Amino acid sequence: MPEAEFQVNGTLIWYYYICKRQVWLMAHALGPDQEDNNIYQGRTIHEFSYQRDKKEIKLGNVKIDLVRSEKGQLVIGEIKKSSKFLTSATRQLQFYLWQIEQMGIAAGGELFIPEEKQRIEVTLDEEARLELETATKEIIDIVEKAAPPPAQKIKWCKPCAYAEFCWA
């Protein structure tokens, strides 16, 4: 895939910190099993939580779960089913903060985990920017390959909605 046509998005950042094979599959329009219980639960939580907020805001290649104003500051939020993938969720939200920062928009970030009644503040610092630059380049490298990285058993395989692509 030529780099000019392809843009890294938050979903790919999310998958990058879980499984590189999922990055390739998602980028090549091979989506996970939409009937998977985890995907269904996540979609339901997203749909029915924080109904008073503006949700599903699209800015360029960024799709933000929710936007609100708190104490005069714009806050963008990412809704997650659980804190199990906290690193991935944090990097995904930092990616959104980084992308909108490049558009000239200042914002804070919060992860919302309604089932655990958690709100976690997320900031974008220089270390995160450098990490995201590296991750973005590596995602492009993964996507440009002719085939996905080989399947590897990791701790996230058992509940994975992509399992059929690896172990069928």
N, C-alpha and C. Protein backbone atom coordinates (compact mmCIF):
# COMPACT_ATOMS: atom_id res chain seq x y z
N MET A 1 0.83 -1.18 0.00
CA MET A 1 0.00 0.00 0.00
C MET A 1 0.88 1.25 0.00
N PRO A 2 0.73 2.14 -0.95
CA PRO A 2 1.55 3.35 -0.95
C PRO A 2 1.24 4.20 0.28
N GLU A 3 2.29 4.78 0.86
CA GLU A 3 2.15 5.54 2.10
C GLU A 3 1.21 6.73 1.94
N ALA A 4 1.20 7.37 0.76
CA ALA A 4 0.37 8.55 0.54
C ALA A 4 -1.12 8.23 0.67
N GLU A 5 -1.54 7.02 0.31
CA GLU A 5 -2.94 6.64 0.37
C GLU A 5 -3.36 6.18 1.76
N PHE A 6 -2.43 5.73 2.54
CA PHE A 6 -2.74 5.10 3.82
C PHE A 6 -2.49 6.07 4.97
N GLN A 7 -3.46 6.15 5.88
CA GLN A 7 -3.29 6.96 7.08
C GLN A 7 -3.52 6.10 8.30
N VAL A 8 -2.61 6.19 9.24
CA VAL A 8 -2.77 5.48 10.51
C VAL A 8 -3.93 6.13 11.26
N ASN A 9 -4.73 5.30 11.91
CA ASN A 9 -5.83 5.83 12.72
C ASN A 9 -5.73 5.28 14.14
N GLY A 10 -6.63 5.72 14.99
CA GLY A 10 -6.60 5.32 16.39
C GLY A 10 -6.82 3.84 16.61
N THR A 11 -7.64 3.22 15.79
CA THR A 11 -7.88 1.78 15.93
C THR A 11 -6.60 1.00 15.68
N LEU A 12 -5.83 1.41 14.68
CA LEU A 12 -4.57 0.73 14.40
C LEU A 12 -3.56 0.94 15.52
N ILE A 13 -3.57 2.13 16.10
CA ILE A 13 -2.71 2.37 17.27
C ILE A 13 -3.12 1.42 18.38
N TRP A 14 -4.39 1.29 18.64
CA TRP A 14 -4.92 0.38 19.67
C TRP A 14 -4.41 -1.04 19.43
N TYR A 15 -4.61 -1.55 18.21
CA TYR A 15 -4.18 -2.92 17.90
C TYR A 15 -2.66 -3.09 17.95
N TYR A 16 -1.93 -2.06 17.57
CA TYR A 16 -0.47 -2.12 17.55
C TYR A 16 0.09 -2.54 18.91
N TYR A 17 -0.51 -2.05 19.98
CA TYR A 17 -0.02 -2.36 21.32
C TYR A 17 -0.57 -3.67 21.87
N ILE A 18 -1.37 -4.35 21.08
CA ILE A 18 -1.89 -5.65 21.49
C ILE A 18 -1.32 -6.75 20.60
N CYS A 19 -1.46 -6.59 19.27
CA CYS A 19 -1.04 -7.65 18.35
C CYS A 19 -0.78 -7.05 16.96
N LYS A 20 0.45 -7.20 16.48
CA LYS A 20 0.84 -6.63 15.18
C LYS A 20 0.08 -7.30 14.03
N ARG A 21 -0.26 -8.55 14.20
CA ARG A 21 -1.03 -9.25 13.16
C ARG A 21 -2.40 -8.59 12.99
N GLN A 22 -3.03 -8.21 14.09
CA GLN A 22 -4.32 -7.53 14.02
C GLN A 22 -4.20 -6.21 13.26
N VAL A 23 -3.08 -5.53 13.40
CA VAL A 23 -2.85 -4.27 12.67
C VAL A 23 -2.96 -4.53 11.17
N TRP A 24 -2.23 -5.54 10.71
CA TRP A 24 -2.23 -5.85 9.27
C TRP A 24 -3.64 -6.24 8.81
N LEU A 25 -4.29 -7.11 9.55
CA LEU A 25 -5.62 -7.57 9.17
C LEU A 25 -6.61 -6.41 9.09
N MET A 26 -6.64 -5.56 10.10
CA MET A 26 -7.56 -4.42 10.13
C MET A 26 -7.26 -3.45 8.98
N ALA A 27 -6.00 -3.17 8.75
CA ALA A 27 -5.62 -2.23 7.70
C ALA A 27 -5.95 -2.75 6.31
N HIS A 28 -6.06 -4.07 6.17
CA HIS A 28 -6.40 -4.68 4.89
C HIS A 28 -7.87 -5.06 4.83
N ALA A 29 -8.68 -4.37 5.64
CA ALA A 29 -10.14 -4.51 5.63
C ALA A 29 -10.61 -5.91 5.98
N LEU A 30 -9.82 -6.61 6.78
CA LEU A 30 -10.23 -7.92 7.29
C LEU A 30 -10.62 -7.70 8.75
N GLY A 31 -11.88 -7.39 8.96
CA GLY A 31 -12.35 -7.02 10.29
C GLY A 31 -12.57 -8.22 11.19
N PRO A 32 -12.63 -7.95 12.49
CA PRO A 32 -12.88 -9.03 13.45
C PRO A 32 -14.32 -9.52 13.35
N ASP A 33 -14.58 -10.65 13.96
CA ASP A 33 -15.91 -11.24 14.01
C ASP A 33 -16.85 -10.27 14.73
N GLN A 34 -17.79 -9.67 14.00
CA GLN A 34 -18.70 -8.69 14.58
C GLN A 34 -19.72 -9.31 15.53
N GLU A 35 -19.84 -10.62 15.50
CA GLU A 35 -20.75 -11.32 16.42
C GLU A 35 -20.04 -11.72 17.71
N ASP A 36 -18.75 -11.44 17.80
CA ASP A 36 -17.97 -11.77 18.99
C ASP A 36 -18.57 -11.04 20.20
N ASN A 37 -18.69 -11.77 21.31
CA ASN A 37 -19.30 -11.21 22.51
C ASN A 37 -18.57 -9.97 23.03
N ASN A 38 -17.25 -9.96 22.98
CA ASN A 38 -16.50 -8.80 23.45
C ASN A 38 -16.78 -7.56 22.60
N ILE A 39 -16.87 -7.74 21.30
CA ILE A 39 -17.18 -6.60 20.42
C ILE A 39 -18.59 -6.11 20.68
N TYR A 40 -19.52 -7.05 20.82
CA TYR A 40 -20.91 -6.66 21.10
C TYR A 40 -21.01 -5.89 22.42
N GLN A 41 -20.34 -6.38 23.47
CA GLN A 41 -20.37 -5.69 24.77
C GLN A 41 -19.77 -4.28 24.65
N GLY A 42 -18.65 -4.18 23.98
CA GLY A 42 -18.00 -2.88 23.81
C GLY A 42 -18.89 -1.90 23.07
N ARG A 43 -19.52 -2.37 22.01
CA ARG A 43 -20.42 -1.52 21.23
C ARG A 43 -21.60 -1.05 22.08
N THR A 44 -22.15 -1.96 22.88
CA THR A 44 -23.29 -1.63 23.73
C THR A 44 -22.89 -0.60 24.80
N ILE A 45 -21.76 -0.82 25.44
CA ILE A 45 -21.29 0.13 26.46
C ILE A 45 -21.07 1.50 25.83
N HIS A 46 -20.46 1.52 24.68
CA HIS A 46 -20.21 2.80 23.99
C HIS A 46 -21.52 3.50 23.65
N GLU A 47 -22.49 2.76 23.17
CA GLU A 47 -23.75 3.34 22.73
C GLU A 47 -24.58 3.90 23.89
N PHE A 48 -24.60 3.21 25.02
CA PHE A 48 -25.50 3.59 26.10
C PHE A 48 -24.85 4.37 27.24
N SER A 49 -23.54 4.56 27.19
CA SER A 49 -22.86 5.34 28.23
C SER A 49 -22.67 6.78 27.78
N TYR A 50 -22.72 7.68 28.72
CA TYR A 50 -22.42 9.10 28.47
C TYR A 50 -23.30 9.67 27.36
N GLN A 51 -24.60 9.43 27.47
CA GLN A 51 -25.53 9.85 26.42
C GLN A 51 -25.69 11.36 26.30
N ARG A 52 -25.32 12.11 27.34
CA ARG A 52 -25.46 13.56 27.27
C ARG A 52 -24.31 14.23 26.52
N ASP A 53 -23.24 13.48 26.28
CA ASP A 53 -22.07 14.04 25.60
C ASP A 53 -22.20 13.90 24.08
N LYS A 54 -21.45 14.76 23.37
CA LYS A 54 -21.36 14.62 21.92
C LYS A 54 -20.47 13.42 21.65
N LYS A 55 -20.97 12.51 20.81
CA LYS A 55 -20.23 11.27 20.56
C LYS A 55 -19.97 11.07 19.08
N GLU A 56 -18.93 10.24 18.83
CA GLU A 56 -18.56 9.88 17.47
C GLU A 56 -18.26 11.13 16.63
N ILE A 57 -17.29 11.89 17.05
CA ILE A 57 -16.87 13.09 16.33
C ILE A 57 -15.72 12.71 15.41
N LYS A 58 -15.87 13.02 14.12
CA LYS A 58 -14.84 12.67 13.14
C LYS A 58 -14.08 13.93 12.75
N LEU A 59 -12.76 13.89 12.94
CA LEU A 59 -11.86 14.96 12.53
C LEU A 59 -10.76 14.34 11.67
N GLY A 60 -10.82 14.53 10.37
CA GLY A 60 -9.83 13.91 9.49
C GLY A 60 -9.93 12.40 9.60
N ASN A 61 -8.79 11.75 9.92
CA ASN A 61 -8.80 10.28 10.07
C ASN A 61 -8.98 9.87 11.53
N VAL A 62 -9.39 10.82 12.37
CA VAL A 62 -9.59 10.57 13.79
C VAL A 62 -11.08 10.53 14.09
N LYS A 63 -11.50 9.51 14.83
CA LYS A 63 -12.91 9.37 15.23
C LYS A 63 -12.93 9.30 16.75
N ILE A 64 -13.36 10.37 17.36
CA ILE A 64 -13.32 10.53 18.81
C ILE A 64 -14.63 10.03 19.42
N ASP A 65 -14.52 9.23 20.48
CA ASP A 65 -15.71 8.67 21.12
C ASP A 65 -16.62 9.74 21.70
N LEU A 66 -16.05 10.68 22.46
CA LEU A 66 -16.88 11.73 23.02
C LEU A 66 -16.08 13.00 23.23
N VAL A 67 -16.83 14.11 23.22
CA VAL A 67 -16.24 15.43 23.42
C VAL A 67 -17.10 16.17 24.43
N ARG A 68 -16.45 16.83 25.36
CA ARG A 68 -17.17 17.66 26.34
C ARG A 68 -16.30 18.84 26.72
N SER A 69 -16.92 19.79 27.36
CA SER A 69 -16.19 20.95 27.87
C SER A 69 -16.23 20.88 29.39
N GLU A 70 -15.06 20.95 30.01
CA GLU A 70 -14.98 20.94 31.47
C GLU A 70 -14.11 22.11 31.91
N LYS A 71 -14.69 22.99 32.71
CA LYS A 71 -13.98 24.15 33.24
C LYS A 71 -13.33 24.95 32.11
N GLY A 72 -14.07 25.10 31.01
CA GLY A 72 -13.59 25.90 29.90
C GLY A 72 -12.56 25.22 29.01
N GLN A 73 -12.25 23.94 29.26
CA GLN A 73 -11.29 23.23 28.43
C GLN A 73 -12.00 22.12 27.65
N LEU A 74 -11.59 21.97 26.40
CA LEU A 74 -12.09 20.88 25.58
C LEU A 74 -11.47 19.58 26.08
N VAL A 75 -12.31 18.58 26.30
CA VAL A 75 -11.84 17.27 26.73
C VAL A 75 -12.35 16.24 25.73
N ILE A 76 -11.41 15.47 25.20
CA ILE A 76 -11.82 14.37 24.34
C ILE A 76 -11.70 13.08 25.14
N GLY A 77 -12.63 12.19 24.90
CA GLY A 77 -12.66 10.97 25.68
C GLY A 77 -12.72 9.73 24.82
N GLU A 78 -12.21 8.67 25.38
CA GLU A 78 -12.24 7.36 24.76
C GLU A 78 -12.94 6.42 25.74
N ILE A 79 -13.98 5.74 25.28
CA ILE A 79 -14.76 4.84 26.12
C ILE A 79 -14.25 3.41 25.89
N LYS A 80 -13.95 2.72 26.98
CA LYS A 80 -13.47 1.34 26.89
C LYS A 80 -14.30 0.44 27.80
N LYS A 81 -14.35 -0.82 27.42
CA LYS A 81 -15.11 -1.82 28.17
C LYS A 81 -14.46 -2.13 29.52
N SER A 82 -13.11 -2.19 29.52
CA SER A 82 -12.40 -2.49 30.77
C SER A 82 -11.02 -1.84 30.72
N SER A 83 -10.35 -1.92 31.85
CA SER A 83 -9.00 -1.36 31.95
C SER A 83 -7.95 -2.40 31.58
N LYS A 84 -8.37 -3.54 31.07
CA LYS A 84 -7.45 -4.62 30.75
C LYS A 84 -6.39 -4.20 29.72
N PHE A 85 -6.77 -3.35 28.78
CA PHE A 85 -5.85 -2.90 27.74
C PHE A 85 -5.48 -1.44 27.96
N LEU A 86 -5.08 -1.10 29.16
CA LEU A 86 -4.84 0.29 29.52
C LEU A 86 -3.73 0.94 28.69
N THR A 87 -2.67 0.22 28.40
CA THR A 87 -1.60 0.79 27.58
C THR A 87 -2.11 1.14 26.19
N SER A 88 -2.82 0.20 25.57
CA SER A 88 -3.38 0.44 24.23
C SER A 88 -4.36 1.61 24.25
N ALA A 89 -5.23 1.63 25.23
CA ALA A 89 -6.23 2.70 25.33
C ALA A 89 -5.57 4.05 25.53
N THR A 90 -4.55 4.10 26.38
CA THR A 90 -3.84 5.35 26.64
C THR A 90 -3.16 5.84 25.38
N ARG A 91 -2.47 4.96 24.68
CA ARG A 91 -1.78 5.36 23.43
C ARG A 91 -2.78 5.79 22.37
N GLN A 92 -3.92 5.12 22.29
CA GLN A 92 -4.93 5.51 21.32
C GLN A 92 -5.41 6.93 21.60
N LEU A 93 -5.71 7.22 22.85
CA LEU A 93 -6.17 8.56 23.21
C LEU A 93 -5.06 9.59 23.01
N GLN A 94 -3.83 9.25 23.34
CA GLN A 94 -2.71 10.16 23.09
C GLN A 94 -2.56 10.42 21.59
N PHE A 95 -2.81 9.41 20.78
CA PHE A 95 -2.77 9.60 19.32
C PHE A 95 -3.81 10.63 18.90
N TYR A 96 -5.02 10.54 19.45
CA TYR A 96 -6.06 11.51 19.12
C TYR A 96 -5.64 12.91 19.56
N LEU A 97 -5.09 13.02 20.77
CA LEU A 97 -4.62 14.32 21.25
C LEU A 97 -3.53 14.88 20.34
N TRP A 98 -2.64 14.02 19.90
CA TRP A 98 -1.54 14.40 19.01
C TRP A 98 -2.07 14.87 17.66
N GLN A 99 -3.03 14.13 17.12
CA GLN A 99 -3.60 14.49 15.82
C GLN A 99 -4.33 15.83 15.88
N ILE A 100 -5.14 16.04 16.91
CA ILE A 100 -5.87 17.32 16.96
C ILE A 100 -4.94 18.47 17.34
N GLU A 101 -3.86 18.18 18.07
CA GLU A 101 -2.85 19.20 18.36
C GLU A 101 -2.24 19.70 17.04
N GLN A 102 -1.99 18.77 16.12
CA GLN A 102 -1.44 19.13 14.82
C GLN A 102 -2.42 19.96 13.98
N MET A 103 -3.70 19.93 14.34
CA MET A 103 -4.72 20.75 13.69
C MET A 103 -4.85 22.11 14.37
N GLY A 104 -4.06 22.31 15.42
CA GLY A 104 -4.11 23.57 16.15
C GLY A 104 -5.17 23.62 17.24
N ILE A 105 -5.65 22.48 17.67
CA ILE A 105 -6.69 22.41 18.70
C ILE A 105 -6.08 21.89 19.99
N ALA A 106 -6.24 22.64 21.06
CA ALA A 106 -5.75 22.22 22.37
C ALA A 106 -6.87 21.48 23.10
N ALA A 107 -6.53 20.35 23.71
CA ALA A 107 -7.53 19.56 24.42
C ALA A 107 -6.86 18.70 25.48
N GLY A 108 -7.65 18.34 26.47
CA GLY A 108 -7.24 17.34 27.45
C GLY A 108 -7.86 16.02 27.05
N GLY A 109 -7.44 14.96 27.72
CA GLY A 109 -7.99 13.65 27.38
C GLY A 109 -8.37 12.86 28.62
N GLU A 110 -9.40 12.03 28.47
CA GLU A 110 -9.82 11.14 29.55
C GLU A 110 -10.27 9.81 28.99
N LEU A 111 -9.82 8.75 29.64
CA LEU A 111 -10.34 7.41 29.35
C LEU A 111 -11.53 7.20 30.27
N PHE A 112 -12.61 6.71 29.70
CA PHE A 112 -13.81 6.42 30.47
C PHE A 112 -14.05 4.92 30.44
N ILE A 113 -14.13 4.32 31.61
CA ILE A 113 -14.38 2.89 31.73
C ILE A 113 -15.62 2.74 32.62
N PRO A 114 -16.81 2.85 32.01
CA PRO A 114 -18.05 2.91 32.80
C PRO A 114 -18.31 1.67 33.65
N GLU A 115 -17.99 0.49 33.17
CA GLU A 115 -18.25 -0.73 33.92
C GLU A 115 -17.43 -0.79 35.21
N GLU A 116 -16.29 -0.09 35.23
CA GLU A 116 -15.43 -0.05 36.41
C GLU A 116 -15.54 1.29 37.13
N LYS A 117 -16.41 2.15 36.63
CA LYS A 117 -16.61 3.48 37.21
C LYS A 117 -15.28 4.23 37.33
N GLN A 118 -14.50 4.19 36.24
CA GLN A 118 -13.20 4.85 36.22
C GLN A 118 -13.16 5.95 35.17
N ARG A 119 -12.47 7.02 35.54
CA ARG A 119 -12.12 8.09 34.62
C ARG A 119 -10.63 8.32 34.83
N ILE A 120 -9.86 8.17 33.76
CA ILE A 120 -8.41 8.30 33.87
C ILE A 120 -7.94 9.43 32.97
N GLU A 121 -7.32 10.42 33.57
CA GLU A 121 -6.80 11.55 32.80
C GLU A 121 -5.60 11.09 31.98
N VAL A 122 -5.56 11.52 30.73
CA VAL A 122 -4.47 11.18 29.83
C VAL A 122 -3.90 12.47 29.26
N THR A 123 -2.58 12.59 29.32
CA THR A 123 -1.93 13.77 28.77
C THR A 123 -1.00 13.38 27.63
N LEU A 124 -0.65 14.36 26.85
CA LEU A 124 0.27 14.16 25.74
C LEU A 124 1.55 14.92 26.07
N ASP A 125 2.63 14.18 26.27
CA ASP A 125 3.91 14.82 26.55
C ASP A 125 4.89 14.47 25.43
N GLU A 126 6.10 14.99 25.52
CA GLU A 126 7.08 14.77 24.46
C GLU A 126 7.43 13.29 24.31
N GLU A 127 7.52 12.58 25.40
CA GLU A 127 7.80 11.14 25.33
C GLU A 127 6.71 10.40 24.55
N ALA A 128 5.45 10.75 24.80
CA ALA A 128 4.34 10.12 24.08
C ALA A 128 4.37 10.48 22.60
N ARG A 129 4.69 11.73 22.28
CA ARG A 129 4.79 12.12 20.87
C ARG A 129 5.84 11.29 20.14
N LEU A 130 7.00 11.12 20.77
CA LEU A 130 8.07 10.33 20.15
C LEU A 130 7.65 8.86 20.00
N GLU A 131 7.01 8.32 21.02
CA GLU A 131 6.51 6.95 20.97
C GLU A 131 5.51 6.78 19.83
N LEU A 132 4.61 7.74 19.68
CA LEU A 132 3.60 7.67 18.63
C LEU A 132 4.20 7.82 17.24
N GLU A 133 5.23 8.63 17.10
CA GLU A 133 5.93 8.74 15.81
C GLU A 133 6.52 7.39 15.43
N THR A 134 7.17 6.74 16.38
CA THR A 134 7.76 5.42 16.14
C THR A 134 6.68 4.40 15.81
N ALA A 135 5.61 4.37 16.59
CA ALA A 135 4.52 3.42 16.36
C ALA A 135 3.89 3.63 14.99
N THR A 136 3.68 4.88 14.61
CA THR A 136 3.08 5.20 13.32
C THR A 136 3.94 4.67 12.17
N LYS A 137 5.24 4.89 12.26
CA LYS A 137 6.16 4.38 11.22
C LYS A 137 6.13 2.86 11.17
N GLU A 138 6.13 2.21 12.32
CA GLU A 138 6.10 0.75 12.36
C GLU A 138 4.78 0.20 11.84
N ILE A 139 3.69 0.87 12.11
CA ILE A 139 2.39 0.44 11.59
C ILE A 139 2.41 0.50 10.06
N ILE A 140 2.93 1.58 9.51
CA ILE A 140 3.02 1.70 8.05
C ILE A 140 3.88 0.58 7.49
N ASP A 141 4.99 0.26 8.14
CA ASP A 141 5.85 -0.86 7.70
C ASP A 141 5.09 -2.18 7.71
N ILE A 142 4.32 -2.43 8.77
CA ILE A 142 3.54 -3.67 8.88
C ILE A 142 2.51 -3.74 7.76
N VAL A 143 1.80 -2.65 7.54
CA VAL A 143 0.72 -2.62 6.56
C VAL A 143 1.24 -2.79 5.13
N GLU A 144 2.42 -2.28 4.87
CA GLU A 144 2.97 -2.36 3.51
C GLU A 144 3.47 -3.75 3.14
N LYS A 145 3.59 -4.63 4.09
CA LYS A 145 4.03 -6.00 3.80
C LYS A 145 2.93 -6.74 3.03
N ALA A 146 3.34 -7.71 2.22
CA ALA A 146 2.41 -8.47 1.39
C ALA A 146 1.53 -9.42 2.21
N ALA A 147 2.01 -9.84 3.36
CA ALA A 147 1.27 -10.78 4.20
C ALA A 147 1.36 -10.32 5.66
N PRO A 148 0.43 -10.77 6.48
CA PRO A 148 0.48 -10.37 7.89
C PRO A 148 1.65 -11.02 8.62
N PRO A 149 2.05 -10.42 9.74
CA PRO A 149 3.06 -11.09 10.57
C PRO A 149 2.52 -12.47 10.98
N PRO A 150 3.41 -13.43 11.23
CA PRO A 150 2.93 -14.76 11.63
C PRO A 150 2.15 -14.71 12.94
N ALA A 151 1.20 -15.62 13.06
CA ALA A 151 0.42 -15.71 14.29
C ALA A 151 1.34 -16.16 15.43
N GLN A 152 1.16 -15.53 16.57
CA GLN A 152 1.92 -15.89 17.76
C GLN A 152 0.94 -15.98 18.93
N LYS A 153 1.08 -17.03 19.72
CA LYS A 153 0.23 -17.16 20.91
C LYS A 153 0.67 -16.12 21.94
N ILE A 154 -0.27 -15.25 22.30
CA ILE A 154 -0.03 -14.26 23.35
C ILE A 154 -1.20 -14.33 24.33
N LYS A 155 -1.08 -13.63 25.43
CA LYS A 155 -2.12 -13.74 26.46
C LYS A 155 -3.49 -13.23 26.01
N TRP A 156 -3.55 -12.47 24.90
CA TRP A 156 -4.82 -11.90 24.46
C TRP A 156 -5.51 -12.77 23.42
N CYS A 157 -4.93 -13.90 23.03
CA CYS A 157 -5.50 -14.73 21.97
C CYS A 157 -6.86 -15.35 22.32
N LYS A 158 -7.01 -15.83 23.54
CA LYS A 158 -8.22 -16.57 23.90
C LYS A 158 -9.51 -15.77 23.64
N PRO A 159 -9.61 -14.50 24.09
CA PRO A 159 -10.85 -13.77 23.84
C PRO A 159 -10.87 -12.99 22.52
N CYS A 160 -9.91 -13.22 21.64
CA CYS A 160 -9.73 -12.38 20.44
C CYS A 160 -10.78 -12.65 19.36
N ALA A 161 -11.35 -11.58 18.84
CA ALA A 161 -12.33 -11.70 17.76
C ALA A 161 -11.67 -12.01 16.42
N TYR A 162 -10.36 -11.98 16.37
CA TYR A 162 -9.62 -12.32 15.16
C TYR A 162 -9.09 -13.76 15.19
N ALA A 163 -9.45 -14.54 16.19
CA ALA A 163 -8.88 -15.88 16.39
C ALA A 163 -8.96 -16.76 15.15
N GLU A 164 -10.06 -16.68 14.40
CA GLU A 164 -10.22 -17.51 13.22
C GLU A 164 -9.16 -17.22 12.16
N PHE A 165 -8.64 -15.98 12.12
CA PHE A 165 -7.61 -15.62 11.16
C PHE A 165 -6.26 -16.22 11.53
N CYS A 166 -6.14 -16.64 12.77
CA CYS A 166 -4.85 -17.15 13.25
C CYS A 166 -4.85 -18.65 13.50
N TRP A 167 -5.95 -19.16 14.03
CA TRP A 167 -5.94 -20.53 14.55
C TRP A 167 -6.97 -21.45 13.93
N ALA A 168 -7.67 -21.02 12.90
CA ALA A 168 -8.70 -21.87 12.28
C ALA A 168 -8.07 -22.96 11.43
